[in-house]
Amino acid sequence: MEKIAIETEYIKLDALLKFAALVGTGGEAKMVVADGLVKVNGEVCTMRGKKIRPGDTVSFDRFTIEVVPA
């Protein structure tokens, strides 16, 4: 599991996918989220604007990210 540190209160799901380099573009992030391929805290999430806060985990493909405070 990879840890990603954020300095803000939260990061939106699509921005996190781009920041972590799990997708190449915002359009790709939008598609994978809309297709139900991303899990937040173990549950499928189809809201690309979902606020991801420290302590949350995001899974996509074979990767899992834990968001931690900076």
PDB file of N, CA and C in Angstrom:
ATOM      1  N   MET A   1       0.841  -1.174   0.000  1.00  0.00           N
ATOM      2  CA  MET A   1       0.000   0.000   0.000  1.00  0.00           C
ATOM      3  C   MET A   1       0.891   1.244   0.000  1.00  0.00           C
ATOM      4  N   GLU A   2       0.621   2.119  -0.936  1.00  0.00           N
ATOM      5  CA  GLU A   2       1.381   3.361  -1.044  1.00  0.00           C
ATOM      6  C   GLU A   2       0.699   4.449  -0.224  1.00  0.00           C
ATOM      7  N   LYS A   3       1.485   5.285   0.416  1.00  0.00           N
ATOM      8  CA  LYS A   3       0.940   6.401   1.183  1.00  0.00           C
ATOM      9  C   LYS A   3       1.138   7.693   0.391  1.00  0.00           C
ATOM     10  N   ILE A   4       0.070   8.492   0.316  1.00  0.00           N
ATOM     11  CA  ILE A   4       0.110   9.788  -0.355  1.00  0.00           C
ATOM     12  C   ILE A   4      -0.206  10.842   0.693  1.00  0.00           C
ATOM     13  N   ALA A   5       0.698  11.791   0.877  1.00  0.00           N
ATOM     14  CA  ALA A   5       0.491  12.855   1.865  1.00  0.00           C
ATOM     15  C   ALA A   5      -0.148  14.063   1.198  1.00  0.00           C
ATOM     16  N   ILE A   6      -1.163  14.610   1.856  1.00  0.00           N
ATOM     17  CA  ILE A   6      -1.795  15.835   1.366  1.00  0.00           C
ATOM     18  C   ILE A   6      -1.687  16.909   2.443  1.00  0.00           C
ATOM     19  N   GLU A   7      -1.550  18.154   2.007  1.00  0.00           N
ATOM     20  CA  GLU A   7      -1.406  19.266   2.944  1.00  0.00           C
ATOM     21  C   GLU A   7      -2.728  19.962   3.223  1.00  0.00           C
ATOM     22  N   THR A   8      -3.761  19.616   2.455  1.00  0.00           N
ATOM     23  CA  THR A   8      -5.068  20.241   2.613  1.00  0.00           C
ATOM     24  C   THR A   8      -5.992  19.334   3.428  1.00  0.00           C
ATOM     25  N   GLU A   9      -7.176  19.837   3.730  1.00  0.00           N
ATOM     26  CA  GLU A   9      -8.139  19.065   4.511  1.00  0.00           C
ATOM     27  C   GLU A   9      -8.603  17.827   3.747  1.00  0.00           C
ATOM     28  N   TYR A  10      -8.727  17.964   2.423  1.00  0.00           N
ATOM     29  CA  TYR A  10      -9.170  16.851   1.581  1.00  0.00           C
ATOM     30  C   TYR A  10      -8.667  17.062   0.157  1.00  0.00           C
ATOM     31  N   ILE A  11      -8.796  15.998  -0.649  1.00  0.00           N
ATOM     32  CA  ILE A  11      -8.507  16.062  -2.075  1.00  0.00           C
ATOM     33  C   ILE A  11      -9.638  15.320  -2.772  1.00  0.00           C
ATOM     34  N   LYS A  12     -10.076  15.823  -3.895  1.00  0.00           N
ATOM     35  CA  LYS A  12     -11.158  15.148  -4.620  1.00  0.00           C
ATOM     36  C   LYS A  12     -10.618  13.880  -5.271  1.00  0.00           C
ATOM     37  N   LEU A  13     -11.492  12.900  -5.382  1.00  0.00           N
ATOM     38  CA  LEU A  13     -11.097  11.576  -5.870  1.00  0.00           C
ATOM     39  C   LEU A  13     -10.416  11.639  -7.229  1.00  0.00           C
ATOM     40  N   ASP A  14     -10.975  12.371  -8.189  1.00  0.00           N
ATOM     41  CA  ASP A  14     -10.358  12.416  -9.510  1.00  0.00           C
ATOM     42  C   ASP A  14      -8.979  13.068  -9.462  1.00  0.00           C
ATOM     43  N   ALA A  15      -8.828  14.090  -8.633  1.00  0.00           N
ATOM     44  CA  ALA A  15      -7.523  14.750  -8.494  1.00  0.00           C
ATOM     45  C   ALA A  15      -6.504  13.816  -7.841  1.00  0.00           C
ATOM     46  N   LEU A  16      -6.941  13.011  -6.881  1.00  0.00           N
ATOM     47  CA  LEU A  16      -6.044  12.058  -6.230  1.00  0.00           C
ATOM     48  C   LEU A  16      -5.543  11.016  -7.221  1.00  0.00           C
ATOM     49  N   LEU A  17      -6.427  10.522  -8.071  1.00  0.00           N
ATOM     50  CA  LEU A  17      -6.019   9.525  -9.064  1.00  0.00           C
ATOM     51  C   LEU A  17      -4.956  10.092  -9.995  1.00  0.00           C
ATOM     52  N   LYS A  18      -5.109  11.356 -10.377  1.00  0.00           N
ATOM     53  CA  LYS A  18      -4.095  12.003 -11.227  1.00  0.00           C
ATOM     54  C   LYS A  18      -2.814  12.255 -10.439  1.00  0.00           C
ATOM     55  N   PHE A  19      -2.943  12.784  -9.214  1.00  0.00           N
ATOM     56  CA  PHE A  19      -1.784  13.103  -8.373  1.00  0.00           C
ATOM     57  C   PHE A  19      -0.932  11.866  -8.101  1.00  0.00           C
ATOM     58  N   ALA A  20      -1.591  10.734  -7.904  1.00  0.00           N
ATOM     59  CA  ALA A  20      -0.882   9.487  -7.615  1.00  0.00           C
ATOM     60  C   ALA A  20      -0.412   8.778  -8.886  1.00  0.00           C
ATOM     61  N   ALA A  21      -0.684   9.384 -10.049  1.00  0.00           N
ATOM     62  CA  ALA A  21      -0.285   8.843 -11.352  1.00  0.00           C
ATOM     63  C   ALA A  21      -0.920   7.480 -11.643  1.00  0.00           C
ATOM     64  N   LEU A  22      -2.123   7.253 -11.119  1.00  0.00           N
ATOM     65  CA  LEU A  22      -2.856   6.028 -11.441  1.00  0.00           C
ATOM     66  C   LEU A  22      -3.590   6.167 -12.759  1.00  0.00           C
ATOM     67  N   VAL A  23      -3.841   7.404 -13.166  1.00  0.00           N
ATOM     68  CA  VAL A  23      -4.419   7.709 -14.473  1.00  0.00           C
ATOM     69  C   VAL A  23      -3.617   8.862 -15.066  1.00  0.00           C
ATOM     70  N   GLY A  24      -3.717   9.023 -16.385  1.00  0.00           N
ATOM     71  CA  GLY A  24      -2.931  10.054 -17.042  1.00  0.00           C
ATOM     72  C   GLY A  24      -3.623  11.401 -17.154  1.00  0.00           C
ATOM     73  N   THR A  25      -4.960  11.384 -17.239  1.00  0.00           N
ATOM     74  CA  THR A  25      -5.680  12.629 -17.455  1.00  0.00           C
ATOM     75  C   THR A  25      -6.938  12.682 -16.591  1.00  0.00           C
ATOM     76  N   GLY A  26      -7.505  13.878 -16.489  1.00  0.00           N
ATOM     77  CA  GLY A  26      -8.759  14.033 -15.767  1.00  0.00           C
ATOM     78  C   GLY A  26      -9.887  13.280 -16.431  1.00  0.00           C
ATOM     79  N   GLY A  27      -9.869  13.234 -17.757  1.00  0.00           N
ATOM     80  CA  GLY A  27     -10.890  12.494 -18.492  1.00  0.00           C
ATOM     81  C   GLY A  27     -10.832  11.009 -18.195  1.00  0.00           C
ATOM     82  N   GLU A  28      -9.624  10.484 -18.103  1.00  0.00           N
ATOM     83  CA  GLU A  28      -9.460   9.067 -17.768  1.00  0.00           C
ATOM     84  C   GLU A  28      -9.945   8.801 -16.347  1.00  0.00           C
ATOM     85  N   ALA A  29      -9.638   9.723 -15.426  1.00  0.00           N
ATOM     86  CA  ALA A  29     -10.105   9.578 -14.044  1.00  0.00           C
ATOM     87  C   ALA A  29     -11.624   9.548 -14.008  1.00  0.00           C
ATOM     88  N   LYS A  30     -12.248  10.453 -14.759  1.00  0.00           N
ATOM     89  CA  LYS A  30     -13.710  10.514 -14.809  1.00  0.00           C
ATOM     90  C   LYS A  30     -14.286   9.188 -15.297  1.00  0.00           C
ATOM     91  N   MET A  31     -13.682   8.605 -16.325  1.00  0.00           N
ATOM     92  CA  MET A  31     -14.183   7.347 -16.885  1.00  0.00           C
ATOM     93  C   MET A  31     -14.057   6.176 -15.908  1.00  0.00           C
ATOM     94  N   VAL A  32     -12.883   6.020 -15.287  1.00  0.00           N
ATOM     95  CA  VAL A  32     -12.699   4.863 -14.402  1.00  0.00           C
ATOM     96  C   VAL A  32     -13.584   4.958 -13.168  1.00  0.00           C
ATOM     97  N   VAL A  33     -13.821   6.182 -12.681  1.00  0.00           N
ATOM     98  CA  VAL A  33     -14.717   6.355 -11.536  1.00  0.00           C
ATOM     99  C   VAL A  33     -16.152   6.057 -11.957  1.00  0.00           C
ATOM    100  N   ALA A  34     -16.582   6.620 -13.084  1.00  0.00           N
ATOM    101  CA  ALA A  34     -17.953   6.409 -13.571  1.00  0.00           C
ATOM    102  C   ALA A  34     -18.226   4.937 -13.876  1.00  0.00           C
ATOM    103  N   ASP A  35     -17.195   4.217 -14.305  1.00  0.00           N
ATOM    104  CA  ASP A  35     -17.353   2.794 -14.627  1.00  0.00           C
ATOM    105  C   ASP A  35     -17.337   1.899 -13.386  1.00  0.00           C
ATOM    106  N   GLY A  36     -17.184   2.489 -12.196  1.00  0.00           N
ATOM    107  CA  GLY A  36     -17.201   1.710 -10.960  1.00  0.00           C
ATOM    108  C   GLY A  36     -15.936   0.919 -10.709  1.00  0.00           C
ATOM    109  N   LEU A  37     -14.813   1.381 -11.237  1.00  0.00           N
ATOM    110  CA  LEU A  37     -13.553   0.648 -11.092  1.00  0.00           C
ATOM    111  C   LEU A  37     -12.731   1.091  -9.888  1.00  0.00           C
ATOM    112  N   VAL A  38     -13.222   2.101  -9.159  1.00  0.00           N
ATOM    113  CA  VAL A  38     -12.469   2.656  -8.032  1.00  0.00           C
ATOM    114  C   VAL A  38     -13.233   2.388  -6.736  1.00  0.00           C
ATOM    115  N   LYS A  39     -12.487   1.972  -5.719  1.00  0.00           N
ATOM    116  CA  LYS A  39     -13.085   1.751  -4.403  1.00  0.00           C
ATOM    117  C   LYS A  39     -12.502   2.750  -3.413  1.00  0.00           C
ATOM    118  N   VAL A  40     -13.373   3.281  -2.568  1.00  0.00           N
ATOM    119  CA  VAL A  40     -12.953   4.162  -1.476  1.00  0.00           C
ATOM    120  C   VAL A  40     -13.328   3.460  -0.182  1.00  0.00           C
ATOM    121  N   ASN A  41     -12.339   3.210   0.651  1.00  0.00           N
ATOM    122  CA  ASN A  41     -12.545   2.495   1.918  1.00  0.00           C
ATOM    123  C   ASN A  41     -13.280   1.176   1.701  1.00  0.00           C
ATOM    124  N   GLY A  42     -12.932   0.482   0.603  1.00  0.00           N
ATOM    125  CA  GLY A  42     -13.462  -0.850   0.337  1.00  0.00           C
ATOM    126  C   GLY A  42     -14.793  -0.892  -0.386  1.00  0.00           C
ATOM    127  N   GLU A  43     -15.394   0.275  -0.669  1.00  0.00           N
ATOM    128  CA  GLU A  43     -16.688   0.301  -1.348  1.00  0.00           C
ATOM    129  C   GLU A  43     -16.562   1.033  -2.681  1.00  0.00           C
ATOM    130  N   VAL A  44     -17.223   0.512  -3.711  1.00  0.00           N
ATOM    131  CA  VAL A  44     -17.204   1.142  -5.030  1.00  0.00           C
ATOM    132  C   VAL A  44     -17.737   2.563  -4.914  1.00  0.00           C
ATOM    133  N   CYS A  45     -17.025   3.503  -5.522  1.00  0.00           N
ATOM    134  CA  CYS A  45     -17.429   4.906  -5.492  1.00  0.00           C
ATOM    135  C   CYS A  45     -17.519   5.416  -6.931  1.00  0.00           C
ATOM    136  N   THR A  46     -18.664   5.985  -7.286  1.00  0.00           N
ATOM    137  CA  THR A  46     -18.842   6.523  -8.638  1.00  0.00           C
ATOM    138  C   THR A  46     -18.947   8.047  -8.633  1.00  0.00           C
ATOM    139  N   MET A  47     -18.565   8.671  -7.518  1.00  0.00           N
ATOM    140  CA  MET A  47     -18.589  10.138  -7.424  1.00  0.00           C
ATOM    141  C   MET A  47     -17.164  10.658  -7.584  1.00  0.00           C
ATOM    142  N   ARG A  48     -16.831  11.212  -8.743  1.00  0.00           N
ATOM    143  CA  ARG A  48     -15.455  11.648  -8.979  1.00  0.00           C
ATOM    144  C   ARG A  48     -15.061  12.824  -8.109  1.00  0.00           C
ATOM    145  N   GLY A  49     -16.033  13.575  -7.603  1.00  0.00           N
ATOM    146  CA  GLY A  49     -15.750  14.712  -6.732  1.00  0.00           C
ATOM    147  C   GLY A  49     -15.750  14.362  -5.257  1.00  0.00           C
ATOM    148  N   LYS A  50     -15.816  13.071  -4.927  1.00  0.00           N
ATOM    149  CA  LYS A  50     -15.834  12.645  -3.521  1.00  0.00           C
ATOM    150  C   LYS A  50     -14.614  13.185  -2.799  1.00  0.00           C
ATOM    151  N   LYS A  51     -14.837  13.718  -1.612  1.00  0.00           N
ATOM    152  CA  LYS A  51     -13.740  14.273  -0.815  1.00  0.00           C
ATOM    153  C   LYS A  51     -13.010  13.145  -0.096  1.00  0.00           C
ATOM    154  N   ILE A  52     -11.736  13.027  -0.407  1.00  0.00           N
ATOM    155  CA  ILE A  52     -10.900  12.003   0.215  1.00  0.00           C
ATOM    156  C   ILE A  52     -10.055  12.692   1.288  1.00  0.00           C
ATOM    157  N   ARG A  53     -10.154  12.201   2.506  1.00  0.00           N
ATOM    158  CA  ARG A  53      -9.473  12.827   3.647  1.00  0.00           C
ATOM    159  C   ARG A  53      -8.396  11.882   4.195  1.00  0.00           C
ATOM    160  N   PRO A  54      -7.458  12.429   4.968  1.00  0.00           N
ATOM    161  CA  PRO A  54      -6.451  11.551   5.588  1.00  0.00           C
ATOM    162  C   PRO A  54      -7.120  10.409   6.354  1.00  0.00           C
ATOM    163  N   GLY A  55      -6.590   9.216   6.169  1.00  0.00           N
ATOM    164  CA  GLY A  55      -7.150   8.019   6.776  1.00  0.00           C
ATOM    165  C   GLY A  55      -7.953   7.185   5.784  1.00  0.00           C
ATOM    166  N   ASP A  56      -8.377   7.798   4.672  1.00  0.00           N
ATOM    167  CA  ASP A  56      -9.126   7.072   3.649  1.00  0.00           C
ATOM    168  C   ASP A  56      -8.178   6.247   2.785  1.00  0.00           C
ATOM    169  N   THR A  57      -8.688   5.142   2.239  1.00  0.00           N
ATOM    170  CA  THR A  57      -7.928   4.348   1.286  1.00  0.00           C
ATOM    171  C   THR A  57      -8.684   4.338  -0.040  1.00  0.00           C
ATOM    172  N   VAL A  58      -7.914   4.343  -1.117  1.00  0.00           N
ATOM    173  CA  VAL A  58      -8.475   4.317  -2.465  1.00  0.00           C
ATOM    174  C   VAL A  58      -7.808   3.183  -3.220  1.00  0.00           C
ATOM    175  N   SER A  59      -8.626   2.335  -3.849  1.00  0.00           N
ATOM    176  CA  SER A  59      -8.102   1.201  -4.618  1.00  0.00           C
ATOM    177  C   SER A  59      -8.542   1.322  -6.066  1.00  0.00           C
ATOM    178  N   PHE A  60      -7.588   1.092  -6.967  1.00  0.00           N
ATOM    179  CA  PHE A  60      -7.867   1.079  -8.397  1.00  0.00           C
ATOM    180  C   PHE A  60      -6.882   0.134  -9.054  1.00  0.00           C
ATOM    181  N   ASP A  61      -7.388  -0.730  -9.918  1.00  0.00           N
ATOM    182  CA  ASP A  61      -6.560  -1.715 -10.607  1.00  0.00           C
ATOM    183  C   ASP A  61      -5.886  -2.574  -9.536  1.00  0.00           C
ATOM    184  N   ARG A  62      -4.569  -2.650  -9.538  1.00  0.00           N
ATOM    185  CA  ARG A  62      -3.859  -3.451  -8.534  1.00  0.00           C
ATOM    186  C   ARG A  62      -3.259  -2.575  -7.433  1.00  0.00           C
ATOM    187  N   PHE A  63      -3.615  -1.305  -7.406  1.00  0.00           N
ATOM    188  CA  PHE A  63      -2.979  -0.359  -6.494  1.00  0.00           C
ATOM    189  C   PHE A  63      -3.926   0.077  -5.387  1.00  0.00           C
ATOM    190  N   THR A  64      -3.376   0.241  -4.204  1.00  0.00           N
ATOM    191  CA  THR A  64      -4.128   0.784  -3.085  1.00  0.00           C
ATOM    192  C   THR A  64      -3.315   1.924  -2.493  1.00  0.00           C
ATOM    193  N   ILE A  65      -3.985   3.039  -2.256  1.00  0.00           N
ATOM    194  CA  ILE A  65      -3.349   4.243  -1.737  1.00  0.00           C
ATOM    195  C   ILE A  65      -3.991   4.569  -0.395  1.00  0.00           C
ATOM    196  N   GLU A  66      -3.172   4.928   0.573  1.00  0.00           N
ATOM    197  CA  GLU A  66      -3.684   5.460   1.836  1.00  0.00           C
ATOM    198  C   GLU A  66      -3.330   6.935   1.877  1.00  0.00           C
ATOM    199  N   VAL A  67      -4.310   7.772   2.128  1.00  0.00           N
ATOM    200  CA  VAL A  67      -4.075   9.204   2.220  1.00  0.00           C
ATOM    201  C   VAL A  67      -3.706   9.530   3.661  1.00  0.00           C
ATOM    202  N   VAL A  68      -2.590  10.242   3.815  1.00  0.00           N
ATOM    203  CA  VAL A  68      -2.100  10.622   5.145  1.00  0.00           C
ATOM    204  C   VAL A  68      -1.890  12.130   5.186  1.00  0.00           C
ATOM    205  N   PRO A  69      -1.923  12.715   6.369  1.00  0.00           N
ATOM    206  CA  PRO A  69      -1.643  14.152   6.471  1.00  0.00           C
ATOM    207  C   PRO A  69      -0.160  14.423   6.228  1.00  0.00           C
ATOM    208  N   ALA A  70       0.138  15.584   5.676  1.00  0.00           N
ATOM    209  CA  ALA A  70       1.542  15.945   5.401  1.00  0.00           C
ATOM    210  C   ALA A  70       2.250  16.332   6.690  1.00  0.00           C
TER     211      ALA A  70
END
